[in-house]
Protein backbone atom coordinates (compact mmCIF):
# COMPACT_ATOMS: atom_id res chain seq x y z
CA MET A 1 -7.01 -38.10 -5.20
CA GLY A 2 -9.21 -35.04 -4.60
CA ALA A 3 -7.93 -34.77 -1.03
CA LEU A 4 -4.35 -35.00 -2.31
CA ARG A 5 -4.95 -32.18 -4.82
CA ARG A 6 -6.51 -30.01 -2.12
CA GLY A 7 -3.55 -30.68 0.15
CA VAL A 8 -1.07 -29.72 -2.57
CA ARG A 9 -3.00 -26.53 -3.35
CA GLY A 10 -3.14 -25.68 0.36
CA SER A 11 0.62 -26.19 0.76
CA ALA A 12 1.35 -24.05 -2.29
CA ARG A 13 -0.93 -21.32 -0.95
CA GLU A 14 0.77 -21.37 2.46
CA SER A 15 4.21 -21.29 0.83
CA LEU A 16 3.25 -18.27 -1.26
CA GLN A 17 1.79 -16.52 1.80
CA VAL A 18 4.99 -17.13 3.77
CA ARG A 19 7.21 -15.87 0.97
CA TYR A 20 5.11 -12.78 0.37
CA GLY A 21 5.10 -12.13 4.12
CA ALA A 22 8.90 -12.47 4.08
CA LEU A 23 9.05 -9.88 1.27
CA GLN A 24 7.05 -7.43 3.40
CA ALA A 25 9.15 -8.20 6.49
CA LEU A 26 12.45 -7.67 4.66
CA TYR A 27 11.21 -4.52 2.95
CA TYR A 28 10.06 -2.89 6.19
CA PHE A 29 13.19 -3.92 8.06
CA GLY A 30 15.18 -2.12 5.38
CA THR A 31 12.78 0.83 5.54
CA CYS A 32 13.40 1.02 9.29
CA ALA A 33 17.18 1.04 8.79
CA LEU A 34 16.99 3.66 6.04
CA GLY A 35 14.03 5.91 6.89
CA GLY A 36 13.23 5.12 10.52
CA PHE A 37 16.70 6.14 11.64
CA ALA A 38 17.09 8.95 9.10
CA ALA A 39 17.38 11.66 11.76
CA ILE A 40 20.07 9.72 13.65
CA PHE A 41 22.04 8.67 10.55
CA LEU A 42 21.94 12.08 8.85
CA GLY A 43 22.75 13.79 12.14
CA TYR A 44 25.76 11.46 12.37
CA LYS A 45 26.70 12.70 8.88
CA GLY A 46 26.63 16.30 10.13
CA LEU A 47 23.19 17.54 9.01
CA SER A 48 21.03 19.85 11.13
CA ASN A 49 17.30 19.27 11.71
CA SER A 50 16.45 21.63 8.86
CA LEU A 51 18.81 19.84 6.45
CA ILE A 52 17.46 16.48 7.60
CA GLY A 53 14.03 17.81 6.66
CA VAL A 54 15.36 18.91 3.28
CA ALA A 55 16.93 15.50 2.59
CA THR A 56 13.88 13.45 3.56
CA GLY A 57 11.52 15.96 1.94
CA ALA A 58 13.50 15.81 -1.31
CA SER A 59 13.24 12.03 -1.28
CA CYS A 60 9.47 12.32 -0.93
CA ILE A 61 9.29 14.74 -3.87
CA LEU A 62 11.33 12.34 -5.99
CA SER A 63 9.09 9.43 -5.00
CA VAL A 64 6.01 11.44 -6.02
CA VAL A 65 7.51 11.71 -9.50
CA LEU A 66 8.99 8.22 -9.59
CA MET A 67 5.93 6.15 -8.61
CA PRO A 68 3.52 7.48 -11.28
CA ALA A 69 6.27 7.39 -13.88
CA ILE A 70 6.93 3.70 -13.21
CA SER A 71 3.18 2.96 -13.19
CA MET A 72 2.84 4.55 -16.63
CA LEU A 73 5.85 2.59 -17.86
CA LEU A 74 4.31 -0.67 -16.63
CA GLU A 75 1.06 0.20 -18.37
CA ARG A 76 2.80 0.87 -21.67
CA LYS A 77 5.11 -2.14 -21.37
CA PRO A 78 3.22 -4.89 -19.51
CA GLY A 79 6.06 -7.31 -20.22
CA LEU A 80 8.32 -5.33 -17.91
CA GLY A 81 6.63 -6.86 -14.86
CA ILE A 82 6.39 -5.76 -11.24
CA PRO A 83 9.18 -8.12 -9.97
CA ARG A 84 11.69 -6.53 -12.34
CA VAL A 85 10.69 -3.05 -11.15
CA VAL A 86 11.11 -4.07 -7.49
CA ARG A 87 14.53 -5.58 -8.24
CA SER A 88 15.75 -2.45 -10.02
CA LEU A 89 14.55 -0.11 -7.28
CA THR A 90 16.08 -2.28 -4.55
CA LEU A 91 19.47 -2.45 -6.27
CA GLY A 92 19.50 1.31 -6.90
CA SER A 93 18.61 2.11 -3.29
CA VAL A 94 21.25 -0.27 -1.92
CA ALA A 95 23.95 1.19 -4.19
CA CYS A 96 23.20 4.78 -3.13
CA TYR A 97 23.17 3.95 0.58
CA VAL A 98 26.46 2.03 0.36
CA VAL A 99 28.20 5.02 -1.24
CA LEU A 100 26.59 7.34 1.32
CA ALA A 101 27.83 5.24 4.23
CA LEU A 102 31.37 4.49 3.04
CA ALA A 103 32.56 7.57 1.17
CA PRO A 104 33.43 10.94 2.78
CA LEU A 105 31.01 13.34 1.10
CA PRO A 106 30.11 17.04 1.26
CA THR A 107 26.73 18.00 2.68
CA TYR A 108 25.01 18.47 -0.66
CA ALA A 109 26.14 15.01 -1.82
CA VAL A 110 24.81 13.43 1.37
CA ILE A 111 21.42 15.08 0.76
CA VAL A 112 21.31 13.97 -2.89
CA LEU A 113 22.33 10.36 -2.26
CA PHE A 114 19.98 9.94 0.69
CA ALA A 115 17.13 11.48 -1.30
CA LEU A 116 17.75 9.04 -4.17
CA ALA A 117 18.08 6.01 -1.89
CA ASN A 118 14.98 6.81 0.14
CA ALA A 119 12.91 7.76 -2.94
CA MET A 120 13.62 4.41 -4.60
CA SER A 121 12.87 2.60 -1.35
CA LEU A 122 9.55 4.42 -0.92
CA ALA A 123 8.59 3.71 -4.53
CA ILE A 124 8.73 -0.05 -3.90
CA ALA A 125 5.71 -0.06 -1.53
CA PRO A 126 2.82 0.32 -4.03
CA PHE A 127 4.30 -2.31 -6.33
CA LEU A 128 4.58 -4.81 -3.47
CA SER A 129 0.87 -4.16 -2.76
CA GLN A 130 0.01 -4.58 -6.43
CA LEU A 131 2.01 -7.82 -6.51
CA ALA A 132 -0.36 -9.28 -3.89
CA MET A 133 -3.42 -8.06 -5.81
CA GLY A 134 -1.98 -9.67 -8.95
CA PHE A 135 -1.66 -13.06 -7.24
CA ASN A 136 -5.20 -12.73 -5.89
CA ARG A 137 -6.52 -11.95 -9.35
CA ILE A 138 -5.13 -15.14 -10.89
CA GLY A 139 -6.52 -17.35 -8.14
CA MET A 140 -3.40 -17.56 -5.90
CA PRO A 141 -4.86 -15.87 -2.80
CA ILE A 142 -2.73 -13.88 -0.35
CA ASN A 143 -3.94 -12.37 2.92
CA PHE A 144 -2.46 -8.93 2.34
CA GLY A 145 -3.28 -7.64 5.83
CA LEU A 146 -1.47 -10.52 7.53
CA ALA A 147 1.60 -10.13 5.31
CA ARG A 148 1.64 -6.37 5.81
CA GLY A 149 1.37 -6.97 9.56
CA MET A 150 4.49 -9.14 9.36
CA GLY A 151 6.20 -6.11 7.84
CA SER A 152 5.13 -3.98 10.79
CA VAL A 153 6.42 -6.52 13.30
CA SER A 154 9.71 -6.67 11.40
CA TYR A 155 9.90 -2.86 11.52
CA ALA A 156 9.20 -2.96 15.27
CA VAL A 157 11.77 -5.62 16.09
CA GLY A 158 14.28 -3.92 13.81
CA ALA A 159 13.76 -0.60 15.58
CA VAL A 160 14.63 -2.09 18.97
CA GLY A 161 17.58 -4.07 17.65
CA LEU A 162 18.95 -1.24 15.51
CA SER A 163 18.70 1.32 18.31
CA ARG A 164 20.71 -1.00 20.53
CA LEU A 165 23.31 -1.62 17.81
CA VAL A 166 23.62 2.13 17.17
CA GLU A 167 24.28 2.68 20.86
CA LEU A 168 26.93 -0.07 20.98
CA SER A 169 28.71 0.90 17.75
CA SER A 170 27.75 3.80 15.48
CA PRO A 171 24.98 4.76 12.98
CA GLY A 172 27.23 3.42 10.22
CA VAL A 173 26.02 -0.11 11.05
CA LEU A 174 22.63 0.82 9.55
CA ALA A 175 24.03 0.66 6.01
CA GLY A 176 25.30 -2.91 6.37
CA LEU A 177 21.97 -4.19 7.65
CA PHE A 178 20.06 -2.33 4.94
CA VAL A 179 22.23 -3.99 2.27
CA LEU A 180 21.71 -7.40 3.89
CA SER A 181 17.92 -7.01 3.93
CA GLY A 182 17.99 -5.91 0.27
CA VAL A 183 20.01 -8.93 -0.84
CA VAL A 184 17.73 -11.40 0.97
CA LEU A 185 14.65 -9.62 -0.42
CA LEU A 186 15.96 -10.12 -3.95
CA ALA A 187 16.54 -13.82 -3.25
CA VAL A 188 13.00 -14.32 -1.92
CA LEU A 189 11.52 -12.40 -4.85
CA ALA A 190 13.40 -14.62 -7.30
CA SER A 191 11.86 -17.72 -5.69
CA MET A 192 8.26 -16.56 -6.19
CA PRO A 193 6.08 -17.63 -9.15
CA THR A 194 4.96 -15.13 -11.74
CA CYS A 195 1.72 -13.28 -11.01
CA GLU A 196 0.82 -12.97 -14.70
CA ALA A 197 -2.06 -15.12 -15.90
CA PRO A 198 -1.15 -17.44 -18.78
CA VAL A 199 -2.75 -16.30 -22.04
CA LYS A 200 -3.04 -18.60 -25.04
CA ALA A 201 -3.45 -17.40 -28.58
CA GLY A 202 -6.97 -16.19 -29.14
CA ALA A 203 -7.88 -16.14 -25.43
CA VAL A 204 -10.12 -13.32 -24.33
CA GLN A 205 -10.94 -11.66 -21.06
CA ALA A 206 -14.10 -12.90 -19.43
CA GLU A 207 -16.67 -10.20 -18.78
CA GLU A 208 -19.56 -12.44 -17.69
CA PRO A 209 -18.09 -13.45 -14.28
CA ARG A 210 -17.69 -9.77 -13.31
CA SER A 211 -21.37 -9.05 -14.03
CA GLN A 212 -22.36 -12.11 -12.00
CA ALA A 213 -20.10 -11.08 -9.13
CA ASP A 214 -21.75 -7.67 -9.05
CA GLN A 215 -24.92 -9.45 -7.93
CA THR A 216 -23.17 -10.34 -4.65
CA LEU A 217 -22.81 -6.98 -2.92
CA GLY A 218 -20.24 -6.51 -0.21
CA SER A 219 -19.83 -3.48 2.02
CA THR A 220 -19.04 -1.36 -1.03
CA GLY A 221 -21.61 -2.91 -3.31
CA ARG A 222 -18.88 -4.48 -5.46
CA ALA A 223 -17.60 -7.96 -5.97
CA PRO A 224 -15.48 -9.04 -2.97
CA VAL A 225 -11.75 -9.20 -3.51
CA ALA A 226 -9.28 -11.62 -1.98
CA CYS A 227 -8.71 -9.35 1.00
CA ASP A 228 -12.08 -10.72 2.13
CA SER A 229 -12.45 -13.95 0.21
CA ALA A 230 -9.53 -16.19 -0.63
CA GLU A 231 -11.48 -18.51 -2.89
CA GLY A 232 -13.03 -17.56 -6.18
CA MET A 233 -10.97 -14.42 -6.66
CA ALA A 234 -10.20 -15.25 -10.25
CA THR A 235 -13.90 -15.31 -11.06
CA ALA A 236 -14.73 -12.13 -9.15
CA ALA A 237 -11.95 -10.16 -10.78
CA GLY A 238 -12.69 -11.30 -14.32
CA THR A 239 -9.47 -13.16 -15.08
CA VAL A 240 -8.24 -14.37 -18.43
CA VAL A 241 -9.92 -17.49 -19.68
CA ASP A 242 -7.43 -20.20 -20.56
CA ALA A 243 -9.37 -21.60 -23.53
CA PRO A 244 -8.72 -22.36 -27.17
CA ALA A 245 -9.35 -19.59 -29.64
CA GLY A 246 -12.41 -21.20 -31.13
CA ASP A 247 -14.05 -21.86 -27.75
CA ALA A 248 -13.38 -18.31 -26.65
CA LEU A 249 -14.92 -16.94 -29.83
CA ASP A 250 -17.95 -19.17 -29.54
CA ALA A 251 -18.45 -18.13 -25.92
CA THR A 252 -18.35 -14.44 -26.73
CA THR A 253 -20.28 -14.45 -29.99
CA GLY A 254 -22.99 -16.88 -29.03
CA GLY A 255 -21.61 -19.65 -31.24
CA ALA A 256 -20.88 -17.58 -34.34
CA PRO A 257 -18.48 -19.32 -36.70
CA GLU A 258 -14.84 -18.34 -36.81
CA ALA A 259 -13.68 -16.01 -39.54
CA PRO A 260 -11.52 -17.65 -42.19
CA ALA A 261 -7.80 -17.48 -41.65
CA GLY A 262 -7.36 -15.39 -44.77
CA ASP A 263 -9.45 -12.47 -43.54
CA ALA A 264 -6.42 -10.38 -42.68
CA PRO A 265 -8.19 -7.00 -43.03
CA GLY A 266 -10.80 -8.02 -40.46
CA GLU A 267 -8.09 -9.14 -38.07
CA LEU A 268 -6.22 -5.90 -38.61
CA ASP A 269 -9.35 -3.85 -37.88
CA ALA A 270 -9.94 -5.85 -34.71
CA SER A 271 -6.40 -5.27 -33.50
CA HIS A 272 -6.69 -1.55 -34.17
CA GLY A 273 -10.01 -1.49 -32.34
CA ALA A 274 -8.48 -3.25 -29.32
CA LYS A 275 -5.58 -0.82 -29.32
CA GLY A 276 -7.98 2.13 -29.50
CA ARG A 277 -10.00 0.77 -26.59
CA HIS A 278 -6.80 0.32 -24.56
CA GLU A 279 -5.78 3.90 -25.19
CA ASP A 280 -9.25 5.09 -24.18
CA GLU A 281 -9.13 3.03 -20.98
CA ARG A 282 -5.75 4.49 -20.08
CA GLY A 283 -7.08 7.99 -20.57
CA SER A 284 -10.21 7.34 -18.51
CA ALA A 285 -8.42 5.88 -15.48
CA PHE A 286 -7.99 9.35 -13.98
CA ARG A 287 -11.63 10.18 -14.68
CA GLU A 288 -12.73 6.98 -12.98
CA ILE A 289 -10.69 7.79 -9.87
CA LEU A 290 -12.11 11.32 -9.78
CA ARG A 291 -15.66 9.93 -9.72
CA GLU A 292 -14.93 8.05 -6.47
CA ARG A 293 -15.59 10.89 -4.02
CA VAL A 294 -15.22 8.77 -0.88
CA LEU A 295 -11.87 7.42 -2.08
CA LEU A 296 -10.57 10.92 -2.83
CA MET A 297 -11.65 12.23 0.57
CA VAL A 298 -10.07 9.30 2.41
CA LEU A 299 -6.84 9.74 0.43
CA ALA A 300 -6.83 13.44 1.34
CA GLY A 301 -7.49 12.63 5.00
CA PHE A 302 -4.76 10.00 5.01
CA MET A 303 -2.35 12.54 3.50
CA VAL A 304 -3.07 15.14 6.22
CA ALA A 305 -2.85 12.46 8.93
CA PHE A 306 0.47 11.32 7.45
CA ILE A 307 1.78 14.88 7.63
CA ALA A 308 1.07 14.94 11.36
CA CYS A 309 2.34 11.41 11.99
CA ASN A 310 5.52 11.96 10.00
CA CYS A 311 6.36 14.97 12.17
CA LEU A 312 6.04 12.70 15.19
CA SER A 313 7.86 9.69 13.75
CA VAL A 314 10.84 11.40 12.10
CA TYR A 315 11.48 13.58 15.16
CA LEU A 316 10.29 11.02 17.71
CA ILE A 317 13.79 10.91 19.19
CA ASP A 318 13.45 14.62 20.07
CA ILE A 319 10.01 14.04 21.62
CA VAL A 320 11.27 11.11 23.70
CA VAL A 321 14.30 13.09 24.91
CA ASN A 322 12.03 16.08 25.67
CA VAL A 323 10.01 13.98 28.15
CA GLY A 324 13.10 12.44 29.77
CA GLY A 325 13.90 9.41 27.60
CA ASP A 326 16.98 8.32 25.64
CA THR A 327 17.87 6.37 22.48
CA SER A 328 16.90 3.03 24.07
CA MET A 329 13.47 4.43 24.91
CA TYR A 330 13.24 5.67 21.32
CA GLY A 331 13.67 2.11 20.08
CA VAL A 332 10.98 0.87 22.47
CA ALA A 333 8.66 3.67 21.29
CA ILE A 334 9.06 2.60 17.65
CA PHE A 335 8.48 -1.01 18.71
CA CYS A 336 5.19 -0.09 20.44
CA MET A 337 4.11 1.85 17.37
CA ALA A 338 4.95 -0.76 14.74
CA ALA A 339 4.19 -4.00 16.62
CA SER A 340 0.67 -2.81 17.47
CA GLU A 341 -0.21 -2.75 13.75
CA LEU A 342 -0.23 -6.54 13.24
CA PRO A 343 -3.50 -7.43 15.06
CA ALA A 344 -5.57 -4.84 13.19
CA MET A 345 -3.96 -5.63 9.84
CA ALA A 346 -4.56 -9.35 10.21
CA LEU A 347 -8.19 -8.83 11.29
CA VAL A 348 -9.18 -6.49 8.45
CA PRO A 349 -10.99 -9.24 6.44
CA LEU A 350 -13.08 -10.18 9.51
CA LEU A 351 -13.78 -6.55 10.41
CA ARG A 352 -14.95 -5.76 6.87
CA ARG A 353 -17.43 -8.63 7.03
CA ARG A 354 -18.81 -7.44 10.38
CA PHE A 355 -18.80 -3.66 9.84
CA SER A 356 -19.31 -1.35 6.90
CA THR A 357 -16.31 0.32 5.29
CA GLY A 358 -17.72 3.74 6.23
CA THR A 359 -17.86 2.77 9.91
CA LEU A 360 -14.25 1.58 9.81
CA PHE A 361 -13.14 4.87 8.22
CA MET A 362 -14.75 6.71 11.15
CA VAL A 363 -12.99 4.42 13.64
CA VAL A 364 -9.70 5.27 11.93
CA GLY A 365 -10.40 9.01 12.33
CA ALA A 366 -11.07 8.61 16.07
CA ALA A 367 -7.94 6.47 16.51
CA TYR A 368 -5.72 9.05 14.78
CA LEU A 369 -7.16 11.74 17.04
CA LEU A 370 -6.36 9.73 20.18
CA ARG A 371 -2.94 8.63 18.96
CA ASN A 372 -1.52 12.02 18.08
CA MET A 373 -3.17 14.04 20.86
CA ILE A 374 -1.85 11.74 23.58
CA VAL A 375 1.68 12.00 22.15
CA VAL A 376 1.38 15.79 21.76
CA CYS A 377 0.23 16.20 25.37
CA ALA A 378 2.62 13.59 26.82
CA THR A 379 4.59 14.55 29.92
CA SER A 380 6.39 11.21 30.32
CA VAL A 381 7.76 8.38 28.21
CA PRO A 382 4.95 5.94 29.20
CA MET A 383 2.38 8.44 27.89
CA VAL A 384 4.21 8.48 24.56
CA PHE A 385 4.07 4.67 24.49
CA ILE A 386 0.31 4.68 25.21
CA GLY A 387 -0.37 7.16 22.42
CA LEU A 388 1.68 5.19 19.91
CA LEU A 389 -0.26 1.99 20.67
CA PHE A 390 -3.22 3.57 18.85
CA GLN A 391 -1.15 3.03 15.71
CA SER A 392 -2.99 -0.30 15.54
CA THR A 393 -6.45 1.13 14.92
CA SER A 394 -5.24 4.13 12.92
CA TYR A 395 -2.49 3.36 10.40
CA GLY A 396 -2.63 -0.39 11.04
CA LEU A 397 -6.33 -0.60 10.22
CA LEU A 398 -6.38 1.96 7.42
CA THR A 399 -3.50 0.65 5.28
CA PRO A 400 -4.92 -2.79 4.31
CA LEU A 401 -8.49 -1.44 4.47
CA LEU A 402 -7.76 1.25 1.90
CA THR A 403 -5.66 -1.09 -0.26
CA CYS A 404 -8.61 -3.51 -0.49
CA TYR A 405 -11.10 -0.67 -0.95
CA ILE A 406 -9.13 0.62 -3.94
CA ALA A 407 -9.14 -2.88 -5.45
CA GLU A 408 -12.94 -2.95 -5.08
CA VAL A 409 -14.01 0.48 -6.28
CA CYS A 410 -11.46 0.73 -9.12
CA SER A 411 -11.59 -1.29 -12.30
CA PRO A 412 -8.44 -3.20 -13.31
CA ARG A 413 -7.43 -0.36 -15.65
CA SER A 414 -7.34 2.19 -12.79
CA GLU A 415 -6.32 -0.01 -9.85
CA MET A 416 -2.59 0.52 -10.38
CA LEU A 417 -3.21 4.27 -10.48
CA GLY A 418 -5.24 4.06 -7.27
CA GLN A 419 -2.51 2.14 -5.42
CA THR A 420 0.08 4.62 -6.72
CA LEU A 421 -1.99 7.60 -5.56
CA LEU A 422 -2.20 6.02 -2.12
CA SER A 423 1.59 5.96 -1.84
CA VAL A 424 1.96 9.39 -3.42
CA ALA A 425 -0.48 10.93 -0.94
CA THR A 426 1.23 9.34 2.09
CA THR A 427 4.89 8.46 1.65
CA GLY A 428 5.15 11.15 -1.03
CA VAL A 429 3.35 14.42 -0.31
CA GLY A 430 2.42 13.64 3.30
CA ALA A 431 5.92 12.58 4.31
CA MET A 432 7.52 15.50 2.47
CA VAL A 433 5.35 18.19 4.06
CA GLY A 434 5.51 16.59 7.51
CA THR A 435 9.28 16.19 7.51
CA VAL A 436 10.07 19.66 6.19
CA CYS A 437 7.55 21.46 8.39
CA GLY A 438 8.61 19.49 11.46
CA GLY A 439 12.30 20.30 10.99
CA VAL A 440 11.78 23.99 10.20
CA LEU A 441 9.34 24.53 13.08
CA GLN A 442 11.69 22.84 15.54
CA ASP A 443 14.75 24.80 14.48
CA THR A 444 12.87 28.13 14.32
CA TYR A 445 10.34 28.02 17.18
CA GLY A 446 11.10 24.88 19.19
CA ILE A 447 9.48 21.50 19.66
CA GLN A 448 6.23 22.92 21.10
CA ALA A 449 5.48 24.71 17.82
CA MET A 450 5.87 21.44 15.93
CA LEU A 451 3.53 19.67 18.36
CA LEU A 452 0.91 22.39 17.91
CA PHE A 453 1.14 21.95 14.13
CA VAL A 454 0.64 18.19 14.62
CA ALA A 455 -2.46 18.78 16.75
CA VAL A 456 -4.11 21.05 14.16
CA ALA A 457 -3.34 18.69 11.26
CA THR A 458 -4.72 15.74 13.25
CA VAL A 459 -8.04 17.46 13.92
CA VAL A 460 -8.40 18.28 10.21
CA ALA A 461 -7.60 14.69 9.19
CA ALA A 462 -10.04 13.20 11.73
CA PHE A 463 -12.82 15.48 10.43
CA MET A 464 -12.16 14.32 6.85
CA PHE A 465 -12.30 10.65 7.90
CA PHE A 466 -15.62 11.21 9.69
CA VAL A 467 -17.14 12.97 6.67
CA ALA A 468 -15.86 10.28 4.25
CA GLY A 469 -17.11 7.52 6.55
CA ALA A 470 -20.58 9.05 6.80
CA ARG A 471 -20.78 9.42 3.03
CA ALA A 472 -19.56 5.85 2.48
CA ARG A 473 -22.26 4.53 4.83
CA ARG A 474 -24.97 6.43 2.93
CA GLU A 475 -23.71 5.04 -0.38
CA GLU A 476 -23.56 1.50 1.01
CA THR A 477 -27.12 1.78 2.32
CA ALA A 478 -28.34 3.07 -1.05
CA ARG A 479 -26.61 0.20 -2.88
CA ARG A 480 -28.15 -2.39 -0.57
CA GLU A 481 -31.62 -0.90 -1.06
CA GLU A 482 -31.11 -0.85 -4.83
CA ALA A 483 -29.97 -4.49 -4.79
CA ALA A 484 -32.99 -5.49 -2.69
CA HIS A 485 -35.27 -3.61 -5.10
CA ARG A 486 -33.79 -5.46 -8.08
CA GLU A 487 -34.02 -8.86 -6.37
CA GLY A 488 -37.68 -8.40 -5.32
CA PRO A 489 -39.33 -9.01 -8.73
CA ALA A 490 -37.00 -11.90 -9.46
CA ARG A 491 -37.92 -13.61 -6.18
CA ARG A 492 -41.65 -13.09 -6.78
CA GLU A 493 -41.30 -14.55 -10.28
CA GLU A 494 -39.39 -17.52 -8.88
CA SER A 495 -42.06 -18.13 -6.23
CA VAL A 496 -44.78 -18.10 -8.91
CA ARG A 497 -42.92 -20.70 -10.89
């Protein structure tokens, strides 16, 4: 019977992993059709490089506003749920892109509709990440890196296939495939279980497991999350205890008797106290994030790196043509860039067990330096391909690494904010600045000026990753020494006994 139960749990876990991987794959295929071919599609609609920069930059600005606003709404109305948010954003993005593709529109309308469609599409990413963390927290583990890698492979395959379809027909085919991916994504999302833990009347949140988990220090000195450990995530994260009201009260009060049912004033005071604590926690989430200096520096470095990389990715077609390639070679270049992400993303749990987080941040900085500098200095299409293969150990390694790091260093009250800031810094501010600067520099001074800007931004980002990595290693060493110091007396006492 025990073996049967384990088999059923294993099958359910694999099914959830496959479905979540399918969500990532469908989302990034749609992202490729919408954002990856933005320059080609908007050029087909009659926009210049500068106006393409304005359209994509405007979408990034909107996403910077949209993502925090939705996070705050979810915090105030927990019953809204992440799946409903993802559905609404997907439907809105699909509707805007359909109108953009089918209706003859003036230039300003093209810019507005594309900005809306792309902003809603970009805003989905942090909530998909948080969906995985939610499943992990209730004991339904998901390997986020593997699923995110499936998204990268989907983006890569889509890039090759879409570039070929665009050559054979026209950029208008992109809209149909984007709609198709959105519809299938909604169907897969509807088939997934809820990621909300069941709460019975009188149940309380367990604080004891979190304090016990803190005794097991990982690379960050915190309790490991499901990015590293699939089992026991509910305990490490301090999930809701599914217990009767009386048992929960006895557990938290050391066996104190329940208050009589008629003590309404006491119950009212308790509810007001809980509400006050919730308000205080919401207000302190920003303060908690600001105390994490390493996290802030890595987010800043990622933002600067994203500025440089977005210049290269949005205008990659111009770079490929500049070194003698064509649209087919552009599709292959995107394939090399995106497909290389899967190995690093899938291996993040293993790498984090073997190496410190600070060391991995430094590896990311070196990989970004190699990636962008090789592309900047490329004199042939193969050199561009070689440079883009370092996407694996730069963006591919950093994305799941930072997602898991945020889940570790942030408490549950600030984790959503941390994931949102990650998307704001990259697909928001980073993408906006990179796209606008790349387009303006190309139209004003030529492609070489844009490449010089990319080189400078890359050096700055790599320096920030090195500094953050060194600081993270010092903090990790200090935490290990502190843990060893605390365990010493306990071990001596145990040996005496």
